Structure formats: C-alpha cells, structure tokens
C-alpha cells in the first residue's frame, strides 16, 4: 500500500489552478519555463511556448514559480549553460 505524496500533489495543483508560470530544472541542468496543465504519479504535462510537453518526474531536480528567480533566487543551471 503506497500513500500518495500529498505535499507534491497540492503544490503542483496550486501551480496548475493558478496558471502561474513555473520553472522546472531537469537533472541535466536544462530549464523549462512553462505552465502546468496536468500531472499524475509519474509525469507532468506542461505548456512551454505554446507547445505541450510531457516531463517525467524522475527527470526533475527542482520545480518552483518562475518569478522566484526574479525575486533574488540564484540559478546555478543558467550559470552552467552560459559559462
């Protein structure tokens, strides 16, 4: 018997319902700026620049609101990709 991760579900649902832009950093350092459309146990469906993308949760390092970076959060993946 496996319990659903309620914190994860509520956080993703909050981003989905509010249609807030999200920033998803993948394990390889690539960033997606998108809106969350739907999610299930293993995947998240997002829209990035008018294109639907299915992302496996196992490939994600960090998810947060896109504007968090503008408010002072650092971005190590941007530094890696630019340098």
Protein backbone atom coordinates (compact mmCIF):
# COMPACT_ATOMS: atom_id res chain seq x y z
CA UNK A 1 0.00 0.00 0.00
CA UNK A 2 1.58 3.24 -1.17
CA UNK A 3 0.36 6.63 0.06
CA UNK A 4 0.13 9.49 -2.43
CA UNK A 5 2.59 12.34 -1.80
CA UNK A 6 0.07 14.95 -0.67
CA UNK A 7 2.57 17.83 -0.49
CA UNK A 8 3.67 17.26 -4.07
CA UNK A 9 0.10 16.96 -5.35
CA UNK A 10 -1.11 20.08 -3.56
CA UNK A 11 1.88 22.15 -4.73
CA UNK A 12 1.53 21.07 -8.37
CA UNK A 13 -2.22 21.58 -8.23
CA UNK A 14 -1.76 25.10 -6.82
CA UNK A 15 0.56 25.98 -9.74
CA UNK A 16 -1.86 24.37 -12.21
CA UNK A 17 -5.04 26.04 -10.97
CA UNK A 18 -3.45 29.49 -10.58
CA UNK A 19 -1.81 29.17 -14.03
CA UNK A 20 1.34 30.71 -12.54
CA UNK A 21 4.39 30.30 -14.76
CA UNK A 22 6.62 27.54 -13.40
CA UNK A 23 10.36 26.98 -13.65
CA UNK A 24 11.34 23.32 -13.92
CA UNK A 25 15.03 22.43 -13.71
CA UNK A 26 15.85 18.99 -15.07
CA UNK A 27 18.58 16.74 -13.70
CA UNK A 28 20.81 17.59 -16.68
CA UNK A 29 20.56 21.32 -15.81
CA UNK A 30 18.16 22.34 -18.58
CA UNK A 31 15.36 24.70 -17.58
CA UNK A 32 11.76 24.77 -18.71
CA UNK A 33 9.65 27.91 -18.26
CA UNK A 34 6.08 26.71 -18.57
CA UNK A 35 2.61 26.38 -17.15
CA UNK A 36 1.45 23.11 -15.63
CA UNK A 37 -1.56 21.60 -17.39
CA UNK A 38 -1.90 18.22 -15.64
CA UNK A 39 0.05 15.68 -13.61
CA UNK A 40 -0.14 12.12 -12.36
CA UNK A 41 2.07 9.80 -10.34
CA UNK A 42 4.94 9.71 -12.85
CA UNK A 43 4.56 12.65 -15.26
CA UNK A 44 3.72 16.34 -15.55
CA UNK A 45 2.17 17.79 -18.72
CA UNK A 46 3.30 21.37 -19.27
CA UNK A 47 2.93 24.02 -21.95
CA UNK A 48 6.15 25.78 -22.97
CA UNK A 49 5.85 28.46 -25.66
CA UNK A 50 2.52 27.07 -26.96
CA UNK A 51 3.90 23.51 -27.12
CA UNK A 52 2.68 20.67 -24.88
CA UNK A 53 5.50 18.68 -23.29
CA UNK A 54 5.28 15.56 -21.13
CA UNK A 55 8.01 15.54 -18.46
CA UNK A 56 8.83 12.51 -16.34
CA UNK A 57 9.05 13.42 -12.67
CA UNK A 58 12.15 11.25 -12.34
CA UNK A 59 13.98 13.71 -14.65
CA UNK A 60 13.17 16.75 -12.49
CA UNK A 61 15.57 18.28 -9.96
CA UNK A 62 13.58 21.40 -8.93
CA UNK A 63 10.13 22.91 -9.52
CA UNK A 64 9.17 26.41 -8.47
CA UNK A 65 7.37 29.53 -9.59
CA UNK A 66 9.18 31.22 -12.49
CA UNK A 67 9.16 34.62 -10.80
CA UNK A 68 11.09 33.31 -7.78
CA UNK A 69 14.34 33.80 -9.69
CA UNK A 70 13.47 37.42 -10.41
CA UNK A 71 12.97 37.99 -6.66
CA UNK A 72 16.55 37.01 -5.88
CA UNK A 73 16.79 33.22 -6.04
CA UNK A 74 20.02 32.08 -7.68
CA UNK A 75 20.14 29.96 -10.83
CA UNK A 76 23.07 27.55 -10.97
CA UNK A 77 21.84 25.92 -14.16
CA UNK A 78 21.84 29.24 -16.03
CA UNK A 79 25.44 29.85 -14.92
CA UNK A 80 26.45 26.40 -16.15
CA UNK A 81 24.79 26.85 -19.55
CA UNK A 82 26.23 30.33 -20.11
CA UNK A 83 29.75 29.60 -18.96
